[in-house]
N, C-alpha and C. Protein backbone atom coordinates (compact mmCIF):
# COMPACT_ATOMS: atom_id res chain seq x y z
N MET A 1 23.33 52.90 58.83
CA MET A 1 23.18 52.29 59.82
C MET A 1 24.82 51.61 59.75
N THR A 2 25.54 51.75 60.98
CA THR A 2 26.77 51.18 61.08
C THR A 2 26.40 49.72 62.31
N ASP A 3 27.47 48.39 61.24
CA ASP A 3 27.07 47.10 61.62
C ASP A 3 27.95 46.64 62.92
N THR A 4 28.38 46.32 64.13
CA THR A 4 29.28 46.33 64.91
C THR A 4 29.55 44.95 65.42
N LEU A 5 30.63 45.11 65.06
CA LEU A 5 31.03 43.36 65.40
C LEU A 5 31.17 43.09 66.69
N GLN A 6 30.77 42.02 67.41
CA GLN A 6 31.28 42.11 68.54
C GLN A 6 32.17 40.63 68.49
N ALA A 7 33.48 40.92 69.17
CA ALA A 7 34.40 39.59 69.36
C ALA A 7 33.50 38.41 70.23
N ALA A 8 33.80 37.59 69.76
CA ALA A 8 33.71 36.00 70.44
C ALA A 8 34.38 36.02 71.85
N PRO A 9 33.23 35.67 72.81
CA PRO A 9 34.11 35.44 73.97
C PRO A 9 35.39 34.43 74.19
N ALA A 10 36.67 35.24 74.52
CA ALA A 10 37.77 34.26 74.73
C ALA A 10 37.47 33.04 75.86
N ALA A 11 38.05 31.87 74.92
CA ALA A 11 37.92 30.80 75.44
C ALA A 11 38.84 30.64 76.93
N ASP A 12 37.85 29.68 78.07
CA ASP A 12 38.65 29.92 79.10
C ASP A 12 39.57 28.43 79.17
N ASP A 13 40.89 28.35 79.28
CA ASP A 13 41.74 27.44 79.47
C ASP A 13 41.61 27.19 80.53
N SER A 14 40.97 27.44 81.92
CA SER A 14 40.84 26.95 83.20
C SER A 14 39.87 25.84 83.35
N LYS A 15 39.52 26.02 82.35
CA LYS A 15 38.79 24.46 82.51
C LYS A 15 38.75 23.53 81.52
N PRO A 16 38.69 22.37 82.32
CA PRO A 16 39.50 20.39 81.73
C PRO A 16 38.85 20.18 80.52
N THR A 17 39.36 19.82 79.14
CA THR A 17 38.87 19.84 77.87
C THR A 17 38.14 18.85 77.84
N LYS A 18 38.75 17.30 78.84
CA LYS A 18 38.06 16.58 78.67
C LYS A 18 36.73 16.48 79.53
N LYS A 19 35.94 15.27 79.45
CA LYS A 19 34.21 15.56 79.93
C LYS A 19 34.84 14.62 80.83
N THR A 20 34.48 14.41 82.12
CA THR A 20 34.49 13.66 83.18
C THR A 20 33.13 12.67 82.98
N THR A 21 33.91 11.03 83.19
CA THR A 21 33.08 10.10 82.88
C THR A 21 32.97 9.57 84.56
N LYS A 22 32.33 8.40 84.50
CA LYS A 22 32.32 7.53 85.39
C LYS A 22 33.73 7.29 85.86
N ALA A 23 33.91 6.76 87.45
CA ALA A 23 35.28 6.41 87.56
C ALA A 23 34.94 4.94 87.70
N SER A 24 36.37 4.54 86.61
CA SER A 24 36.33 2.91 86.69
C SER A 24 36.65 2.11 87.46
N THR A 25 36.80 2.87 88.70
CA THR A 25 37.08 2.12 89.85
C THR A 25 35.87 1.60 90.69
N ASP A 26 34.76 2.27 89.94
CA ASP A 26 33.60 1.74 91.08
C ASP A 26 32.78 1.09 89.78
N VAL A 27 32.97 0.68 88.56
CA VAL A 27 32.30 0.27 87.59
C VAL A 27 32.77 -0.91 87.27
N VAL A 28 32.08 -2.35 87.10
CA VAL A 28 32.61 -3.50 87.01
C VAL A 28 32.17 -3.39 85.25
N THR A 29 32.34 -3.59 84.28
CA THR A 29 31.56 -3.47 82.88
C THR A 29 31.98 -5.63 82.42
N LEU A 30 31.06 -5.19 81.56
CA LEU A 30 31.03 -7.17 81.17
C LEU A 30 32.47 -7.01 80.09
N SER A 31 32.64 -6.05 79.65
CA SER A 31 34.03 -6.10 78.88
C SER A 31 35.10 -6.62 79.65
N SER A 32 35.40 -6.18 81.22
CA SER A 32 36.33 -6.44 81.58
C SER A 32 36.13 -7.64 82.64
N ILE A 33 34.84 -7.90 82.34
CA ILE A 33 34.48 -9.73 82.78
C ILE A 33 35.03 -10.47 81.69
N CYS A 34 34.56 -9.76 81.13
CA CYS A 34 35.07 -11.05 79.68
C CYS A 34 36.30 -11.14 79.37
N LYS A 35 37.19 -10.10 79.37
CA LYS A 35 38.69 -10.13 79.57
C LYS A 35 39.04 -11.31 80.58
N GLU A 36 38.52 -10.81 81.74
CA GLU A 36 38.90 -11.85 83.22
C GLU A 36 38.73 -13.47 82.60
N LEU A 37 37.57 -13.80 82.17
CA LEU A 37 37.23 -15.12 81.98
C LEU A 37 37.64 -15.24 80.52
N LYS A 38 38.68 -14.39 79.44
CA LYS A 38 38.58 -15.07 78.38
C LYS A 38 37.25 -15.39 77.56
N VAL A 39 36.11 -14.89 77.12
CA VAL A 39 34.85 -15.11 77.14
C VAL A 39 34.79 -14.11 76.07
N GLU A 40 34.09 -14.14 74.64
CA GLU A 40 33.99 -13.31 73.70
C GLU A 40 32.88 -12.65 74.51
N PRO A 41 32.71 -10.92 73.68
CA PRO A 41 31.58 -10.32 74.66
C PRO A 41 30.12 -10.76 73.70
N THR A 42 30.52 -10.68 72.75
CA THR A 42 29.00 -11.27 71.62
C THR A 42 28.41 -12.23 72.50
N ILE A 43 29.26 -13.11 72.32
CA ILE A 43 28.67 -14.43 73.31
C ILE A 43 28.00 -14.21 74.39
N ALA A 44 28.89 -13.53 75.75
CA ALA A 44 28.66 -13.24 76.64
C ALA A 44 26.98 -12.57 76.88
N ARG A 45 26.69 -11.29 75.81
CA ARG A 45 25.69 -10.63 75.76
C ARG A 45 24.47 -10.97 75.67
N ALA A 46 24.86 -12.75 74.30
CA ALA A 46 23.65 -13.37 74.42
C ALA A 46 23.21 -14.47 75.38
N LYS A 47 24.26 -14.33 75.84
CA LYS A 47 23.66 -15.87 77.38
C LYS A 47 23.29 -15.26 78.43
N LEU A 48 23.38 -13.44 78.38
CA LEU A 48 23.12 -12.81 79.64
C LEU A 48 21.39 -12.44 79.12
N ARG A 49 21.60 -11.99 78.11
CA ARG A 49 20.00 -11.73 77.19
C ARG A 49 18.80 -13.25 77.86
N ALA A 50 19.39 -14.26 77.58
CA ALA A 50 18.78 -15.20 77.41
C ALA A 50 18.79 -16.26 78.93
N VAL A 51 18.94 -15.08 80.24
CA VAL A 51 19.37 -15.02 81.15
C VAL A 51 18.10 -15.73 82.01
N ASP A 52 17.76 -16.97 82.91
CA ASP A 52 16.44 -17.32 83.23
C ASP A 52 16.09 -16.78 84.29
N PRO A 53 15.57 -16.07 85.02
CA PRO A 53 14.68 -15.23 85.95
C PRO A 53 15.17 -15.74 87.39
N LYS A 54 14.68 -17.44 87.21
CA LYS A 54 14.30 -17.67 88.98
C LYS A 54 16.33 -17.76 88.92
N GLU A 55 16.63 -18.48 87.65
CA GLU A 55 18.50 -18.78 88.78
C GLU A 55 18.73 -17.64 88.73
N TYR A 56 19.49 -16.76 87.71
CA TYR A 56 19.88 -15.42 88.04
C TYR A 56 19.10 -14.06 88.28
N PRO A 57 18.37 -14.15 89.54
CA PRO A 57 17.50 -12.58 89.29
C PRO A 57 18.30 -11.23 89.33
N ALA A 58 19.20 -11.32 89.71
CA ALA A 58 20.14 -10.36 89.99
C ALA A 58 20.58 -10.03 88.21
N ILE A 59 21.05 -10.60 87.50
CA ILE A 59 21.20 -10.73 86.38
C ILE A 59 19.69 -10.23 85.44
N ALA A 60 18.57 -10.55 85.98
CA ALA A 60 17.71 -10.55 86.02
C ALA A 60 17.01 -8.65 85.94
N LYS A 61 17.39 -8.09 86.73
CA LYS A 61 17.14 -7.30 86.96
C LYS A 61 17.68 -6.00 85.89
N HIS A 62 18.73 -6.97 85.19
CA HIS A 62 19.31 -5.52 84.20
C HIS A 62 17.91 -4.96 83.26
N LYS A 63 18.05 -3.57 83.37
CA LYS A 63 16.72 -3.17 82.22
C LYS A 63 17.17 -2.98 80.98
N HIS A 64 16.20 -3.59 80.05
CA HIS A 64 16.75 -4.00 78.40
C HIS A 64 17.10 -2.06 77.94
N GLY A 65 18.25 -1.96 77.17
CA GLY A 65 18.82 -1.11 76.08
C GLY A 65 19.82 -0.34 77.21
N THR A 66 19.91 -0.70 78.24
CA THR A 66 21.41 -0.19 79.18
C THR A 66 22.82 -0.90 78.70
N SER A 67 23.94 -0.83 79.34
CA SER A 67 25.01 -0.96 79.31
C SER A 67 25.47 -2.39 80.24
N TRP A 68 26.01 -3.28 80.20
CA TRP A 68 25.97 -4.26 80.89
C TRP A 68 27.44 -3.81 81.85
N GLU A 69 26.86 -2.96 83.00
CA GLU A 69 27.97 -2.47 84.19
C GLU A 69 26.97 -2.25 85.52
N TRP A 70 28.08 -3.01 86.37
CA TRP A 70 27.36 -2.87 87.57
C TRP A 70 28.37 -2.46 88.06
N LYS A 71 27.92 -1.68 89.38
CA LYS A 71 28.73 -1.06 91.17
C LYS A 71 29.70 -2.34 91.51
N LYS A 72 30.86 -1.80 91.25
CA LYS A 72 31.14 -2.80 92.55
C LYS A 72 30.66 -3.35 93.95
N GLY A 73 30.82 -5.17 93.84
CA GLY A 73 30.10 -5.41 95.08
C GLY A 73 28.87 -6.08 94.46
N ASP A 74 27.97 -5.43 93.75
CA ASP A 74 27.01 -5.91 92.73
C ASP A 74 26.74 -7.75 92.91
N ALA A 75 25.99 -8.15 93.37
CA ALA A 75 25.37 -9.49 93.63
C ALA A 75 25.44 -10.07 91.62
N ALA A 76 24.95 -8.85 90.59
CA ALA A 76 25.14 -9.29 89.78
C ALA A 76 26.63 -9.71 89.05
N ILE A 77 27.58 -9.69 89.79
CA ILE A 77 28.89 -9.37 89.40
C ILE A 77 29.03 -11.48 89.07
N LYS A 78 29.04 -11.73 90.78
CA LYS A 78 29.06 -12.91 90.68
C LYS A 78 27.97 -14.05 90.21
N GLU A 79 26.89 -13.39 89.28
CA GLU A 79 25.85 -14.25 88.96
C GLU A 79 26.88 -14.41 87.14
N VAL A 80 27.37 -13.25 86.81
CA VAL A 80 27.34 -13.09 85.23
C VAL A 80 28.94 -13.95 85.53
N LYS A 81 29.67 -14.17 86.15
CA LYS A 81 30.69 -15.08 86.31
C LYS A 81 30.99 -16.34 86.46
N ALA A 82 29.43 -16.85 87.30
CA ALA A 82 28.86 -18.00 87.06
C ALA A 82 27.87 -18.55 86.17
N LEU A 83 27.70 -17.44 85.67
CA LEU A 83 27.24 -17.88 84.02
C LEU A 83 27.77 -17.95 83.08
N LEU A 84 28.66 -16.95 82.67
CA LEU A 84 29.99 -17.67 82.10
C LEU A 84 30.91 -18.40 81.60
N LYS A 85 31.14 -18.68 83.33
CA LYS A 85 31.96 -20.17 83.03
C LYS A 85 31.67 -21.10 82.75
N ASP A 86 30.33 -21.31 82.56
CA ASP A 86 29.26 -22.51 82.48
C ASP A 86 29.82 -22.65 80.53
């Protein structure tokens, strides 16, 4: 019996090598808000986790274990900025 070797398929150079991610223009991250307000991200996250749902309802909707980021125009962005300015 003879073993036949098959050539590996050639790499397709027409495909982009970078994975596409969310467009940064559509998302506002906590990091960008912290830079804008000159607040340490660690302190900001601690404040966000301890938020009062009655006082900041849009922030309280954040799902545990997900990134602190919002779509532009989201009401939570105003709440985050107000919380971090205090």
